[in-house]
Amino acid sequence: MQDKGLTFDQFPESTYEPIWCAWGYERNFTVNEVLGTLPKVKEMGYKWAVLDDGWQTAEGDWFLNPKRFPNGDADMKKFVDEIHSYGLKAKLWWAPLAVDPGTELIDERSDFLLLNKDGSKQDITWWDSYYICPAYEPAVDFHVELVKKMMSEWGYEGLKIDGQHLNGVPPCYNPAHNHKRPEESVEALPKFFKKIYDAALAINPDAVVEICPCGTAYSFYNLHVMNQTVSSDPLSSWQIRTKGKTLKALMGANSPYYGDHVELSDNGSDFASTVGIGGVIGTKFTWPTDRLAHKDYVLTDKKETEWKKWLSIYEETELPKGEYLGELYDIGYDKPETHVVSKNDTLYYAFYADDWNGFVEFRGLEGERYILFDYVNGKEIGEIDKSSYSLDVSFKNFLLLKAIPIKLV
């Protein structure tokens, strides 16, 4: 990527901080529900609070929903101030380049639209929206001004940019755009995100710009214009781990990769898959709530104990800041599935299998002797030396160990 001129800035501390998202309340959230959860978010130790889809009137018409923010900008500023009062940073969900049918934007700025060769609007499937052309300067300026409003006026420190339409666009034949070639729209997409990214960082150098391509893979050419990737609506923990391995290979061994809401992992609670690979943890728990629609995400006493345990492990290890050593194990052939993160003089190993009984190999070690420590359960499980960097173990689902060098006198 660097050979092609796609270089990465240093990732700010904010990109590694644990995340709570209000998506547990989904689009029909109430402001009081979100604000009512913030004391628990603060108590638990999360650093970010994300307002997800539903704050706007429609995709494209990024007006504040009067049901939730009847006083408009004043209410949104007050909402963000409340987040900040708990010492939390605020991130806002947004789906640029999408516009819903029947919106004011289409009525007033139909020139923004990306059009097919036959003059029809290009549909974004499932979202039931249309594409806006990323190569049309007035449309680009419209989005940049929105970033300024969200961050400068409302006070957000981060953006959760979302949508399966973000990886690529088709050729644009809108005559209003005067494209020299229809493919200019395709080529302009990374440049569009670069302007969004630059606008956000100009306002706040520590801003987090997360792009979530909504269940799909990432475009190679967009990766340098964001500073946080995400597993983007995974259907399994295996997806979380393999996507993390891929993105760290592309973006760098210490790139901030968000494992998404833990509720999307196996059994809705697999923090181990994100922590073990050096990912950023997050959750969408609801608390408290008496609405049955949100009962699956309520932070019960049992969950709270488990969530706090993993947040403590995450903060103690800070593995996303370490170096992910993706070349040591093959994801397809080496069993059990193994991931390694190097931090200071310690290697952190993450083994995954439904049920494992047998030897595991500790690749990457070069010293004489090591203590193997189970940092999840806080216990030493043995020692290994250079004669055989392996150990006979038994575990279900995961085993997270760190190999601590024994300094010989």
Protein backbone atom coordinates (compact mmCIF):
# COMPACT_ATOMS: atom_id res chain seq x y z
CA MET A 1 0.00 0.00 0.00
CA GLN A 2 2.83 2.37 0.84
CA ASP A 3 4.43 1.64 -2.54
CA LYS A 4 1.23 2.92 -4.11
CA GLY A 5 1.36 6.08 -2.00
CA LEU A 6 -1.32 4.93 0.45
CA THR A 7 0.33 5.79 3.76
CA PHE A 8 -1.06 5.87 7.27
CA ASP A 9 -0.80 8.57 9.91
CA GLN A 10 0.12 7.64 13.46
CA PHE A 11 -2.99 6.33 15.21
CA PRO A 12 -4.08 8.53 18.14
CA GLU A 13 -4.72 7.10 21.58
CA SER A 14 -8.45 7.71 21.13
CA THR A 15 -8.65 5.03 18.41
CA TYR A 16 -7.76 2.31 20.94
CA GLU A 17 -10.27 3.26 23.63
CA PRO A 18 -13.18 0.87 24.43
CA ILE A 19 -16.58 1.71 22.98
CA TRP A 20 -20.20 1.66 24.10
CA CYS A 21 -22.81 2.12 21.36
CA ALA A 22 -26.48 3.01 21.75
CA TRP A 23 -27.46 0.59 18.96
CA GLY A 24 -28.83 -1.75 21.60
CA TYR A 25 -31.83 0.61 21.58
CA GLU A 26 -31.83 0.56 17.74
CA ARG A 27 -33.59 3.20 15.60
CA ASN A 28 -36.51 3.67 17.97
CA PHE A 29 -34.29 4.84 20.83
CA THR A 30 -35.35 7.65 23.12
CA VAL A 31 -32.91 10.30 24.25
CA ASN A 32 -33.69 9.51 27.88
CA GLU A 33 -32.80 5.84 27.34
CA VAL A 34 -29.40 6.73 25.94
CA LEU A 35 -28.68 9.36 28.59
CA GLY A 36 -29.93 7.02 31.30
CA THR A 37 -27.32 4.45 30.31
CA LEU A 38 -24.36 6.82 30.49
CA PRO A 39 -23.78 6.50 34.26
CA LYS A 40 -23.30 2.76 33.83
CA VAL A 41 -21.11 3.27 30.76
CA LYS A 42 -18.90 5.57 32.83
CA GLU A 43 -18.88 3.23 35.81
CA MET A 44 -17.91 0.26 33.64
CA GLY A 45 -14.91 2.14 32.24
CA TYR A 46 -15.82 2.62 28.59
CA LYS A 47 -14.45 5.77 26.96
CA TRP A 48 -16.72 6.29 23.95
CA ALA A 49 -20.49 6.70 23.65
CA VAL A 50 -21.87 6.30 20.12
CA LEU A 51 -25.23 7.62 18.94
CA ASP A 52 -26.31 5.31 16.14
CA ASP A 53 -28.89 5.42 13.34
CA GLY A 54 -32.18 7.17 14.08
CA TRP A 55 -31.12 10.68 15.04
CA GLN A 56 -31.85 11.95 11.51
CA THR A 57 -35.05 12.36 9.52
CA ALA A 58 -33.69 10.33 6.57
CA GLU A 59 -30.50 9.34 4.80
CA GLY A 60 -29.56 12.40 2.79
CA ASP A 61 -31.78 14.73 4.82
CA TRP A 62 -29.46 14.94 7.81
CA PHE A 63 -31.92 17.00 9.82
CA LEU A 64 -32.42 16.24 13.50
CA ASN A 65 -35.44 14.05 14.12
CA PRO A 66 -37.96 16.33 15.88
CA LYS A 67 -39.31 13.43 17.94
CA ARG A 68 -35.94 13.17 19.67
CA PHE A 69 -34.50 16.66 19.26
CA PRO A 70 -37.52 19.01 19.12
CA ASN A 71 -35.37 22.11 19.65
CA GLY A 72 -32.98 21.17 16.88
CA ASP A 73 -29.31 22.04 17.22
CA ALA A 74 -29.72 23.25 20.80
CA ASP A 75 -30.99 19.83 21.86
CA MET A 76 -28.19 17.99 20.08
CA LYS A 77 -25.55 20.21 21.67
CA LYS A 78 -27.12 19.60 25.05
CA PHE A 79 -27.12 15.86 24.36
CA VAL A 80 -23.40 15.85 23.51
CA ASP A 81 -22.63 18.03 26.53
CA GLU A 82 -24.34 15.41 28.68
CA ILE A 83 -22.09 12.71 27.22
CA HIS A 84 -19.07 14.86 27.96
CA SER A 85 -20.25 15.48 31.53
CA TYR A 86 -19.51 11.81 32.24
CA GLY A 87 -15.99 12.13 30.88
CA LEU A 88 -16.94 10.23 27.72
CA LYS A 89 -16.16 11.02 24.11
CA ALA A 90 -19.04 11.19 21.61
CA LYS A 91 -19.21 9.51 18.21
CA LEU A 92 -22.03 9.91 15.68
CA TRP A 93 -23.38 7.42 13.13
CA TRP A 94 -23.58 8.68 9.55
CA ALA A 95 -24.17 7.19 6.07
CA PRO A 96 -22.69 9.60 3.51
CA LEU A 97 -23.31 9.21 -0.23
CA ALA A 98 -26.76 7.72 0.42
CA VAL A 99 -30.04 9.55 -0.09
CA ASP A 100 -33.52 8.13 0.45
CA PRO A 101 -36.34 8.46 -2.10
CA GLY A 102 -38.74 11.31 -1.39
CA THR A 103 -36.23 13.40 0.55
CA GLU A 104 -35.82 17.14 0.42
CA LEU A 105 -32.27 16.67 -0.84
CA ILE A 106 -33.49 14.87 -3.97
CA ASP A 107 -36.12 17.55 -4.57
CA GLU A 108 -33.71 20.43 -4.16
CA ARG A 109 -30.39 18.95 -5.31
CA SER A 110 -31.16 16.20 -7.80
CA ASP A 111 -27.88 17.19 -9.47
CA PHE A 112 -26.09 15.35 -6.61
CA LEU A 113 -27.32 11.97 -7.84
CA LEU A 114 -25.19 9.34 -9.52
CA LEU A 115 -27.06 8.27 -12.65
CA ASN A 116 -26.81 5.12 -14.74
CA LYS A 117 -26.22 5.17 -18.49
CA ASP A 118 -29.98 5.05 -19.13
CA GLY A 119 -30.51 8.04 -16.82
CA SER A 120 -31.98 5.99 -13.97
CA LYS A 121 -30.92 6.43 -10.35
CA GLN A 122 -28.42 3.90 -8.99
CA ASP A 123 -30.10 1.94 -6.20
CA ILE A 124 -28.35 0.96 -2.98
CA THR A 125 -29.92 -2.41 -2.26
CA TRP A 126 -31.40 -3.26 1.14
CA TRP A 127 -31.05 0.35 2.27
CA ASP A 128 -33.56 1.41 -0.38
CA SER A 129 -31.50 4.50 -1.07
CA TYR A 130 -29.80 6.09 -4.06
CA TYR A 131 -26.13 6.88 -4.60
CA ILE A 132 -24.73 10.39 -4.52
CA CYS A 133 -21.77 10.93 -6.83
CA PRO A 134 -18.44 11.30 -4.96
CA ALA A 135 -16.82 13.05 -7.95
CA TYR A 136 -19.26 15.97 -8.05
CA GLU A 137 -17.70 18.84 -6.11
CA PRO A 138 -20.94 20.43 -4.86
CA ALA A 139 -21.92 17.05 -3.37
CA VAL A 140 -18.48 16.67 -1.80
CA ASP A 141 -18.71 20.15 -0.30
CA PHE A 142 -22.16 19.30 1.09
CA HIS A 143 -20.69 16.34 3.01
CA VAL A 144 -17.69 18.28 4.27
CA GLU A 145 -20.00 20.95 5.68
CA LEU A 146 -21.94 18.22 7.46
CA VAL A 147 -18.73 17.03 9.12
CA LYS A 148 -18.07 20.56 10.31
CA LYS A 149 -21.58 20.81 11.72
CA MET A 150 -21.41 17.45 13.52
CA MET A 151 -18.00 18.07 15.04
CA SER A 152 -17.56 21.84 15.37
CA GLU A 153 -21.14 22.83 16.14
CA TRP A 154 -22.59 19.76 17.85
CA GLY A 155 -19.33 18.72 19.50
CA TYR A 156 -18.76 15.13 18.39
CA GLU A 157 -15.19 13.79 18.51
CA GLY A 158 -15.74 10.86 16.17
CA LEU A 159 -17.74 9.56 13.22
CA LYS A 160 -19.12 6.07 12.66
CA ILE A 161 -19.46 6.05 8.88
CA ASP A 162 -21.68 3.16 7.87
CA GLY A 163 -23.07 1.38 4.83
CA GLN A 164 -22.39 -1.47 2.43
CA HIS A 165 -22.26 1.09 -0.40
CA LEU A 166 -19.02 2.65 0.84
CA ASN A 167 -16.50 0.34 -0.84
CA GLY A 168 -17.17 1.36 -4.41
CA VAL A 169 -19.53 3.17 -6.74
CA PRO A 170 -20.49 2.49 -10.37
CA PRO A 171 -19.71 4.83 -13.27
CA CYS A 172 -21.71 8.04 -13.26
CA TYR A 173 -23.48 9.37 -16.37
CA ASN A 174 -25.16 12.42 -14.82
CA PRO A 175 -24.74 15.15 -17.48
CA ALA A 176 -24.81 17.84 -14.80
CA HIS A 177 -21.42 16.64 -13.55
CA ASN A 178 -19.54 17.10 -16.83
CA HIS A 179 -17.39 14.04 -16.20
CA LYS A 180 -14.69 13.51 -18.80
CA ARG A 181 -15.23 9.79 -18.25
CA PRO A 182 -18.02 8.00 -16.39
CA GLU A 183 -15.38 6.17 -14.35
CA GLU A 184 -14.38 9.39 -12.61
CA SER A 185 -16.94 8.56 -9.94
CA VAL A 186 -15.22 5.22 -9.28
CA GLU A 187 -11.80 6.81 -9.02
CA ALA A 188 -13.00 9.69 -6.85
CA LEU A 189 -14.31 7.61 -3.96
CA PRO A 190 -11.04 7.44 -1.95
CA LYS A 191 -10.54 11.16 -2.60
CA PHE A 192 -14.03 11.80 -1.22
CA PHE A 193 -13.21 9.96 2.02
CA LYS A 194 -9.86 11.75 2.21
CA LYS A 195 -11.70 15.07 2.30
CA ILE A 196 -14.02 13.78 5.03
CA TYR A 197 -11.04 12.46 6.99
CA ASP A 198 -9.03 15.66 6.61
CA ALA A 199 -12.01 17.79 7.63
CA ALA A 200 -12.50 15.75 10.81
CA LEU A 201 -8.82 15.84 11.79
CA ALA A 202 -8.60 19.57 11.07
CA ILE A 203 -11.30 20.09 13.70
CA ASN A 204 -9.88 17.55 16.16
CA PRO A 205 -6.48 15.89 15.57
CA ASP A 206 -7.58 13.05 17.88
CA ALA A 207 -10.84 12.45 16.04
CA VAL A 208 -11.80 8.83 15.37
CA VAL A 209 -13.03 8.18 11.83
CA GLU A 210 -14.46 4.67 11.68
CA ILE A 211 -15.76 3.35 8.38
CA CYS A 212 -18.02 0.31 8.70
CA PRO A 213 -18.86 -1.24 5.30
CA CYS A 214 -21.86 -2.98 6.82
CA GLY A 215 -21.14 -6.70 6.64
CA THR A 216 -18.77 -6.55 3.67
CA ALA A 217 -14.99 -6.52 3.18
CA TYR A 218 -12.97 -3.33 2.84
CA SER A 219 -11.82 -1.58 -0.28
CA PHE A 220 -8.03 -1.56 -0.37
CA TYR A 221 -8.10 2.04 -1.59
CA ASN A 222 -10.17 3.44 1.28
CA LEU A 223 -8.09 2.07 4.15
CA HIS A 224 -5.67 5.01 4.34
CA VAL A 225 -8.49 7.53 4.85
CA MET A 226 -9.77 6.18 8.17
CA ASN A 227 -8.11 5.49 11.50
CA GLN A 228 -10.38 2.74 12.82
CA THR A 229 -11.65 -0.33 11.01
CA VAL A 230 -14.32 -2.67 12.35
CA SER A 231 -15.48 -6.25 11.87
CA SER A 232 -18.69 -4.66 10.51
CA ASP A 233 -21.69 -6.71 11.61
CA PRO A 234 -20.01 -10.12 11.97
CA LEU A 235 -22.06 -13.31 12.14
CA SER A 236 -19.45 -15.25 14.15
CA SER A 237 -16.35 -14.88 16.27
CA TRP A 238 -14.38 -16.58 13.51
CA GLN A 239 -15.23 -13.66 11.22
CA ILE A 240 -14.04 -11.21 13.87
CA ARG A 241 -10.68 -12.96 14.17
CA THR A 242 -10.00 -13.52 10.48
CA LYS A 243 -11.04 -10.02 9.47
CA GLY A 244 -8.77 -8.63 12.17
CA LYS A 245 -5.84 -10.68 10.85
CA THR A 246 -6.48 -9.39 7.33
CA LEU A 247 -6.82 -5.72 8.26
CA LYS A 248 -3.73 -5.72 10.45
CA ALA A 249 -1.82 -7.20 7.51
CA LEU A 250 -3.03 -4.33 5.30
CA MET A 251 -3.04 -1.36 7.69
CA GLY A 252 -0.19 -2.25 10.04
CA ALA A 253 0.47 -4.52 12.99
CA ASN A 254 -0.78 -1.97 15.54
CA SER A 255 -3.70 -0.59 13.54
CA PRO A 256 -6.89 -0.01 15.59
CA TYR A 257 -9.34 -2.76 14.62
CA TYR A 258 -12.67 -2.65 16.43
CA GLY A 259 -14.20 -6.10 17.01
CA ASP A 260 -17.68 -4.52 16.95
CA HIS A 261 -20.36 -5.06 19.61
CA VAL A 262 -19.52 -8.17 21.63
CA GLU A 263 -23.19 -9.09 21.35
CA LEU A 264 -22.51 -10.03 17.71
CA SER A 265 -19.87 -12.62 18.68
CA ASP A 266 -20.45 -16.29 19.54
CA ASN A 267 -22.89 -16.56 22.46
CA GLY A 268 -23.05 -12.77 22.51
CA SER A 269 -20.16 -12.63 24.95
CA ASP A 270 -16.91 -13.65 23.25
CA PHE A 271 -14.58 -10.85 24.29
CA ALA A 272 -11.70 -13.34 24.02
CA SER A 273 -11.81 -13.28 20.22
CA THR A 274 -11.31 -9.52 20.09
CA VAL A 275 -8.87 -9.23 22.99
CA GLY A 276 -6.68 -12.14 21.86
CA ILE A 277 -6.03 -10.76 18.38
CA GLY A 278 -5.32 -7.23 19.60
CA GLY A 279 -8.70 -5.74 18.73
CA VAL A 280 -10.61 -2.87 20.34
CA ILE A 281 -13.55 -4.05 22.45
CA GLY A 282 -17.08 -2.68 22.48
CA THR A 283 -20.65 -3.37 23.52
CA LYS A 284 -24.22 -2.18 22.93
CA PHE A 285 -25.71 -3.12 26.29
CA THR A 286 -28.91 -1.44 27.45
CA TRP A 287 -29.39 -0.36 31.06
CA PRO A 288 -31.81 -0.03 32.61
CA THR A 289 -34.88 -0.55 30.44
CA ASP A 290 -38.44 -1.76 30.84
CA ARG A 291 -39.06 -2.10 27.11
CA LEU A 292 -39.17 -5.74 26.08
CA ALA A 293 -37.76 -4.94 22.65
CA HIS A 294 -34.36 -4.44 24.27
CA LYS A 295 -34.41 -7.35 26.72
CA ASP A 296 -31.71 -9.33 24.87
CA TYR A 297 -29.12 -6.63 25.50
CA VAL A 298 -29.90 -5.69 29.09
CA LEU A 299 -26.81 -5.59 31.27
CA THR A 300 -27.71 -8.18 33.91
CA ASP A 301 -25.67 -8.60 37.09
CA LYS A 302 -24.01 -11.67 35.58
CA LYS A 303 -23.14 -9.83 32.38
CA GLU A 304 -21.86 -6.83 34.30
CA THR A 305 -19.38 -8.99 36.19
CA GLU A 306 -18.15 -10.60 32.97
CA TRP A 307 -18.05 -7.33 31.00
CA LYS A 308 -16.02 -5.63 33.77
CA LYS A 309 -13.59 -8.54 33.91
CA TRP A 310 -12.82 -8.31 30.21
CA LEU A 311 -12.58 -4.54 30.22
CA SER A 312 -10.02 -4.83 33.01
CA ILE A 313 -8.05 -7.42 31.00
CA TYR A 314 -8.21 -5.18 27.94
CA GLU A 315 -6.90 -2.15 29.82
CA GLU A 316 -4.15 -4.12 31.53
CA THR A 317 -2.80 -5.68 28.33
CA GLU A 318 -3.51 -2.92 25.77
CA LEU A 319 -2.83 -5.45 23.04
CA PRO A 320 -4.08 -3.30 20.13
CA LYS A 321 -1.01 -1.11 20.68
CA GLY A 322 1.26 -4.13 20.35
CA GLU A 323 2.58 -5.72 17.16
CA TYR A 324 0.33 -8.37 15.65
CA LEU A 325 2.59 -11.14 14.31
CA GLY A 326 0.35 -12.49 11.60
CA GLU A 327 3.08 -14.38 9.77
CA LEU A 328 3.70 -16.92 12.55
CA TYR A 329 0.57 -19.04 12.06
CA ASP A 330 -1.55 -19.91 9.07
CA ILE A 331 -5.28 -19.39 9.56
CA GLY A 332 -6.23 -22.42 7.48
CA TYR A 333 -3.67 -25.12 8.21
CA ASP A 334 -2.32 -24.58 11.73
CA LYS A 335 -4.41 -26.11 14.49
CA PRO A 336 -5.57 -24.88 16.88
CA GLU A 337 -6.20 -21.48 15.35
CA THR A 338 -3.51 -19.24 16.83
CA HIS A 339 -2.81 -15.51 16.92
CA VAL A 340 0.16 -13.71 18.50
CA VAL A 341 0.73 -10.14 19.66
CA SER A 342 4.14 -8.88 20.74
CA LYS A 343 4.29 -6.17 23.38
CA ASN A 344 7.50 -5.04 25.01
CA ASP A 345 9.44 -8.26 25.72
CA THR A 346 6.34 -10.45 26.04
CA LEU A 347 4.47 -12.50 23.45
CA TYR A 348 0.72 -12.93 23.92
CA TYR A 349 -0.74 -16.11 22.41
CA ALA A 350 -4.43 -16.66 21.65
CA PHE A 351 -5.55 -20.23 20.87
CA TYR A 352 -9.08 -20.98 19.62
CA ALA A 353 -10.91 -24.30 19.19
CA ASP A 354 -14.25 -25.77 20.20
CA ASP A 355 -12.53 -28.43 22.28
CA TRP A 356 -8.75 -28.95 22.26
CA ASN A 357 -6.66 -31.63 23.93
CA GLY A 358 -3.04 -31.80 22.83
CA PHE A 359 0.10 -29.83 22.21
CA VAL A 360 0.21 -26.18 21.21
CA GLU A 361 3.29 -24.62 19.68
CA PHE A 362 4.71 -21.26 20.75
CA ARG A 363 6.31 -19.82 17.63
CA GLY A 364 8.33 -16.63 17.63
CA LEU A 365 10.20 -17.23 20.89
CA GLU A 366 13.97 -16.82 20.90
CA GLY A 367 14.95 -16.83 24.58
CA GLU A 368 16.10 -19.67 26.82
CA ARG A 369 13.10 -20.12 29.13
CA TYR A 370 9.60 -18.69 29.56
CA ILE A 371 6.84 -18.74 32.12
CA LEU A 372 3.40 -19.31 30.55
CA PHE A 373 0.74 -17.27 32.29
CA ASP A 374 -3.02 -17.47 31.77
CA TYR A 375 -3.81 -13.77 31.98
CA VAL A 376 -7.59 -14.30 31.85
CA ASN A 377 -7.70 -16.49 34.95
CA GLY A 378 -4.59 -15.07 36.59
CA LYS A 379 -2.56 -18.25 36.95
CA GLU A 380 0.73 -19.75 35.82
CA ILE A 381 0.29 -22.93 33.79
CA GLY A 382 3.88 -24.01 33.26
CA GLU A 383 7.30 -23.28 31.82
CA ILE A 384 8.88 -23.95 28.44
CA ASP A 385 12.44 -23.68 27.17
CA LYS A 386 14.28 -23.64 23.88
CA SER A 387 14.44 -27.45 23.76
CA SER A 388 10.72 -27.47 22.93
CA TYR A 389 8.55 -24.39 22.64
CA SER A 390 5.35 -26.43 23.09
CA LEU A 391 3.03 -27.55 25.86
CA ASP A 392 0.27 -30.13 26.29
CA VAL A 393 -2.96 -28.28 27.16
CA SER A 394 -6.71 -28.74 27.28
CA PHE A 395 -9.25 -25.98 26.72
CA LYS A 396 -12.68 -25.20 25.34
CA ASN A 397 -13.26 -22.22 23.02
CA PHE A 398 -10.10 -20.27 23.87
CA LEU A 399 -6.87 -20.14 25.81
CA LEU A 400 -5.09 -16.80 26.18
CA LEU A 401 -1.51 -16.99 27.46
CA LYS A 402 1.48 -14.72 27.69
CA ALA A 403 5.04 -16.02 27.50
CA ILE A 404 7.19 -14.10 30.00
CA PRO A 405 10.96 -14.48 29.53
CA ILE A 406 12.90 -15.77 32.52
CA LYS A 407 16.05 -13.74 32.85
CA LEU A 408 18.99 -16.03 33.63
CA VAL A 409 21.71 -14.68 35.91
